[in-house]
Structures are given as C-alpha cells and as structure tokens.
Amino acid sequence: MNNKEFITQLAKTMNSTQKQTATVFSCFVDAVVEQLSNGDSVTLGNLGQLEVRRKEQRKIVNPTTKKTMLVPPKLVLNFKPSSSLKSKLKEV
C-alpha cells in the first residue's frame, strides 16, 4: 500500500475528504519526525514504539581483500512492535 492508497483508505474510514486526511497525516508525520529528531521515542498505541539509536564507530573487514575499514557512527531508526500487533500478526 502506497501513501495515496493509505490516505484514500483512511479518508473513507474517517468520512473525510482526501485533502483533509492528507493534511492530518502530514501533520502527524511532521510531529513524529520532530520528536525523533529531538531524541525522544514515540509510542503509537497498538502499533509499537519508534526510537532513534546511535550506532558507534566500528571496524569491519572486507572478506575479499582482508582490508580493515572503519564504519563511521550513525543514527538509525528502530521500531519495536507492540505485543498486540505481534499477536494479531500471528493469527494471520
């Protein structure tokens, strides 16, 4: 399901226009991104928790050349599904 299909489905569920739904969804995404960029985690009800984690610098070895390289530190997005989501997916 792409973004347009999702907004269409959500608009039907909310009995709202697609334009209004797209605006609400855009504001929701902006709020989530703002919280994550501030270093806070975001818990989404029965969906799960989003958080940004910092991966430290590490060494890796290229298996073909046996050359050691450094991977710079970076931020990664982590999603932990809720137990209700896990149980619903197991039923499918």
Protein backbone atom coordinates (compact mmCIF):
# COMPACT_ATOMS: atom_id res chain seq x y z
CA MET A 1 0.00 0.00 0.00
CA ASN A 2 1.48 3.33 -1.02
CA ASN A 3 0.86 6.74 0.54
CA LYS A 4 -2.02 7.66 -1.79
CA GLU A 5 -3.82 4.36 -1.20
CA PHE A 6 -3.35 4.73 2.56
CA ILE A 7 -4.79 8.25 2.59
CA THR A 8 -7.74 7.12 0.44
CA GLN A 9 -8.47 4.23 2.83
CA LEU A 10 -8.10 6.48 5.88
CA ALA A 11 -10.38 9.14 4.36
CA LYS A 12 -13.10 6.54 3.79
CA THR A 13 -12.77 5.31 7.38
CA MET A 14 -12.90 8.84 8.80
CA ASN A 15 -15.72 10.01 6.46
CA SER A 16 -13.47 12.89 5.44
CA THR A 17 -12.05 14.30 2.23
CA GLN A 18 -8.74 13.08 0.93
CA LYS A 19 -7.32 16.60 1.14
CA GLN A 20 -8.21 16.95 4.82
CA THR A 21 -6.91 13.47 5.57
CA ALA A 22 -3.65 14.16 3.73
CA THR A 23 -3.18 17.33 5.79
CA VAL A 24 -3.81 15.49 9.07
CA PHE A 25 -1.47 12.68 8.06
CA SER A 26 1.23 15.16 7.03
CA CYS A 27 0.95 16.94 10.39
CA PHE A 28 1.14 13.58 12.18
CA VAL A 29 4.31 12.60 10.30
CA ASP A 30 5.87 16.03 10.97
CA ALA A 31 5.15 15.68 14.71
CA VAL A 32 6.68 12.19 14.82
CA VAL A 33 9.78 13.34 12.93
CA GLU A 34 10.18 16.34 15.25
CA GLN A 35 10.02 14.15 18.36
CA LEU A 36 12.50 11.65 16.91
CA SER A 37 14.91 14.42 15.87
CA ASN A 38 14.80 15.73 19.47
CA GLY A 39 15.95 12.31 20.67
CA ASP A 40 12.59 11.29 22.14
CA SER A 41 10.89 7.99 21.44
CA VAL A 42 7.34 7.83 20.05
CA THR A 43 4.85 5.20 21.19
CA LEU A 44 1.94 4.64 18.81
CA GLY A 45 -0.87 2.89 20.71
CA ASN A 46 -1.39 -0.64 19.42
CA LEU A 47 1.29 -0.27 16.75
CA GLY A 48 4.57 -0.02 18.62
CA GLN A 49 7.45 2.26 19.56
CA LEU A 50 9.80 4.25 17.33
CA GLU A 51 13.15 5.47 18.60
CA VAL A 52 16.43 6.73 17.24
CA ARG A 53 19.54 4.85 18.32
CA ARG A 54 23.16 5.78 17.84
CA LYS A 55 25.42 3.14 16.33
CA GLU A 56 29.02 3.67 17.37
CA GLN A 57 32.01 3.63 15.07
CA ARG A 58 33.15 0.08 14.33
CA LYS A 59 35.73 -1.85 12.39
CA ILE A 60 34.83 -4.18 9.57
CA VAL A 61 36.93 -6.47 7.41
CA ASN A 62 36.38 -6.78 3.67
CA PRO A 63 36.28 -10.57 3.14
CA THR A 64 37.84 -10.48 -0.32
CA THR A 65 40.73 -8.09 0.33
CA LYS A 66 41.07 -8.71 4.09
CA LYS A 67 41.40 -4.95 4.45
CA THR A 68 40.16 -3.37 7.70
CA MET A 69 37.93 -0.31 7.38
CA LEU A 70 36.14 1.97 9.84
CA VAL A 71 32.40 2.49 9.61
CA PRO A 72 31.56 5.97 10.95
CA PRO A 73 28.98 6.42 13.72
CA LYS A 74 25.41 6.97 12.58
CA LEU A 75 21.84 7.30 13.80
CA VAL A 76 19.37 4.54 12.95
CA LEU A 77 15.61 4.30 13.39
CA ASN A 78 14.44 1.38 15.48
CA PHE A 79 10.87 0.03 15.61
CA LYS A 80 9.65 -2.25 18.39
CA PRO A 81 6.18 -3.67 17.62
CA SER A 82 3.63 -3.84 20.43
CA SER A 83 2.54 -7.16 21.86
CA SER A 84 -0.99 -6.67 20.47
CA LEU A 85 0.40 -6.16 16.96
CA LYS A 86 2.57 -9.27 17.31
CA SER A 87 -0.40 -11.36 18.42
CA LYS A 88 -2.58 -10.09 15.56
CA LEU A 89 0.13 -10.96 13.03
CA LYS A 90 0.48 -14.46 14.47
CA GLU A 91 -3.23 -15.06 13.88
CA VAL A 92 -2.94 -14.29 10.16
